Amino acid sequence: KAVVGEGEHVLTAERLEGTKVKERKELRFKVLSYKEAIAEVFADLVKDVEKKKGVSLKNATAREVLRMIGFEGEEKKEILSIFEPAEYGEGEGGRKEVVRLFMLCREVKKLVSA
């Protein structure tokens, strides 16, 4: 069992024929705290909205981003209840919150694409 710390990592696999390396593949992955993962999930949403809408949201708050794309209702409240404490407060969140935010942001991206 391998344990890796936070940060970016690379896992390399090689296929050998005899003693020669015939093929090499790399898998790059990040290990983040839940707080950082929440921020990254929302940042990915912002990048997607910027690209699809052709706007810059560099200084926009989460509320402004969601308002701009017309995302309202309970889902908006839920996104903000996960993101804002992690981004602006002492909230850390957990695996459940990261997964839920990911699913909600996926729904927002579908709305933006429509």
Protein backbone atom coordinates (compact mmCIF):
# COMPACT_ATOMS: atom_id res chain seq x y z
CA LYS A 1 0.00 0.00 0.00
CA ALA A 2 1.53 3.27 -1.13
CA VAL A 3 0.72 6.52 0.60
CA VAL A 4 1.45 9.84 -1.11
CA GLY A 5 1.25 13.30 0.34
CA GLU A 6 -0.47 16.36 -1.03
CA GLY A 7 0.81 17.77 -4.29
CA GLU A 8 1.26 16.70 -7.89
CA HIS A 9 2.58 13.22 -8.58
CA VAL A 10 3.56 11.11 -11.57
CA LEU A 11 3.17 7.36 -11.78
CA THR A 12 5.20 5.76 -14.56
CA ALA A 13 4.67 2.28 -16.00
CA GLU A 14 6.99 0.63 -18.48
CA ARG A 15 6.51 -2.39 -20.72
CA LEU A 16 9.71 -4.32 -21.22
CA GLU A 17 10.74 -6.74 -23.92
CA GLY A 18 13.77 -8.49 -22.56
CA THR A 19 15.78 -5.71 -20.99
CA LYS A 20 14.61 -2.93 -23.31
CA VAL A 21 11.77 -0.52 -22.55
CA LYS A 22 9.28 -0.81 -25.43
CA GLU A 23 6.54 1.42 -24.07
CA ARG A 24 6.23 3.96 -21.29
CA LYS A 25 3.07 5.61 -19.96
CA GLU A 26 2.72 8.30 -17.35
CA LEU A 27 -0.25 9.10 -15.17
CA ARG A 28 -0.23 12.53 -13.58
CA PHE A 29 -2.46 13.14 -10.58
CA LYS A 30 -2.96 15.55 -7.70
CA VAL A 31 -3.59 14.87 -4.06
CA LEU A 32 -5.41 17.82 -2.52
CA SER A 33 -6.94 18.72 0.80
CA TYR A 34 -10.72 18.80 0.66
CA LYS A 35 -10.61 22.59 0.90
CA GLU A 36 -8.28 22.80 -2.11
CA ALA A 37 -10.37 20.26 -4.04
CA ILE A 38 -13.51 22.35 -3.50
CA ALA A 39 -11.70 25.44 -4.78
CA GLU A 40 -10.39 23.55 -7.82
CA VAL A 41 -13.80 22.11 -8.74
CA PHE A 42 -15.32 25.59 -8.70
CA ALA A 43 -12.32 27.08 -10.57
CA ASP A 44 -12.86 24.49 -13.32
CA LEU A 45 -16.47 25.62 -13.58
CA VAL A 46 -15.40 29.26 -13.88
CA LYS A 47 -12.89 28.40 -16.65
CA ASP A 48 -15.59 26.49 -18.52
CA VAL A 49 -18.04 29.40 -18.24
CA GLU A 50 -15.38 31.89 -19.38
CA LYS A 51 -14.58 29.76 -22.41
CA LYS A 52 -18.17 29.10 -23.45
CA LYS A 53 -19.48 32.61 -22.77
CA GLY A 54 -16.39 34.48 -23.98
CA VAL A 55 -16.11 36.54 -20.80
CA SER A 56 -13.52 37.11 -18.10
CA LEU A 57 -14.62 36.21 -14.58
CA LYS A 58 -11.22 36.71 -12.97
CA ASN A 59 -12.50 38.98 -10.20
CA ALA A 60 -16.06 37.66 -9.99
CA THR A 61 -17.39 36.09 -6.82
CA ALA A 62 -19.10 32.70 -6.84
CA ARG A 63 -22.45 34.46 -6.50
CA GLU A 64 -21.71 36.69 -9.49
CA VAL A 65 -20.64 33.72 -11.62
CA LEU A 66 -23.84 31.79 -10.87
CA ARG A 67 -26.01 34.88 -11.36
CA MET A 68 -24.36 35.62 -14.71
CA ILE A 69 -25.29 32.22 -16.11
CA GLY A 70 -28.78 32.32 -14.61
CA PHE A 71 -28.29 29.43 -12.19
CA GLU A 72 -30.77 29.92 -9.35
CA GLY A 73 -32.73 27.97 -6.78
CA GLU A 74 -31.78 25.33 -4.25
CA GLU A 75 -28.82 24.11 -6.30
CA LYS A 76 -27.30 27.59 -6.24
CA LYS A 77 -27.72 27.75 -2.47
CA GLU A 78 -26.13 24.33 -2.12
CA ILE A 79 -23.13 25.27 -4.29
CA LEU A 80 -22.59 28.41 -2.24
CA SER A 81 -23.04 26.55 1.06
CA ILE A 82 -20.17 24.23 0.08
CA PHE A 83 -17.88 26.68 -1.74
CA GLU A 84 -18.06 29.87 0.34
CA PRO A 85 -17.06 28.39 3.75
CA ALA A 86 -14.15 26.54 2.14
CA GLU A 87 -13.00 29.55 0.12
CA TYR A 88 -13.63 32.45 2.46
CA GLY A 89 -13.95 30.93 5.92
CA GLU A 90 -12.62 28.25 8.17
CA GLY A 91 -14.69 25.49 6.57
CA GLU A 92 -12.76 22.48 5.32
CA GLY A 93 -15.50 20.36 3.83
CA GLY A 94 -15.07 16.66 3.26
CA ARG A 95 -15.28 13.99 0.59
CA LYS A 96 -19.08 14.18 0.54
CA GLU A 97 -18.99 17.93 -0.13
CA VAL A 98 -16.37 17.61 -2.88
CA VAL A 99 -18.40 14.94 -4.67
CA ARG A 100 -21.66 16.90 -4.30
CA LEU A 101 -20.05 20.12 -5.56
CA PHE A 102 -18.59 18.24 -8.52
CA MET A 103 -22.03 16.86 -9.42
CA LEU A 104 -23.69 20.27 -9.07
CA CYS A 105 -21.02 21.99 -11.16
CA ARG A 106 -21.49 19.35 -13.83
CA GLU A 107 -25.16 20.34 -13.99
CA VAL A 108 -24.21 24.01 -14.27
CA LYS A 109 -21.84 23.20 -17.15
CA LYS A 110 -24.71 21.48 -18.99
CA LEU A 111 -26.81 24.62 -18.56
CA VAL A 112 -24.01 26.78 -19.95
CA SER A 113 -23.62 24.47 -22.95
CA ALA A 114 -27.31 24.60 -23.79
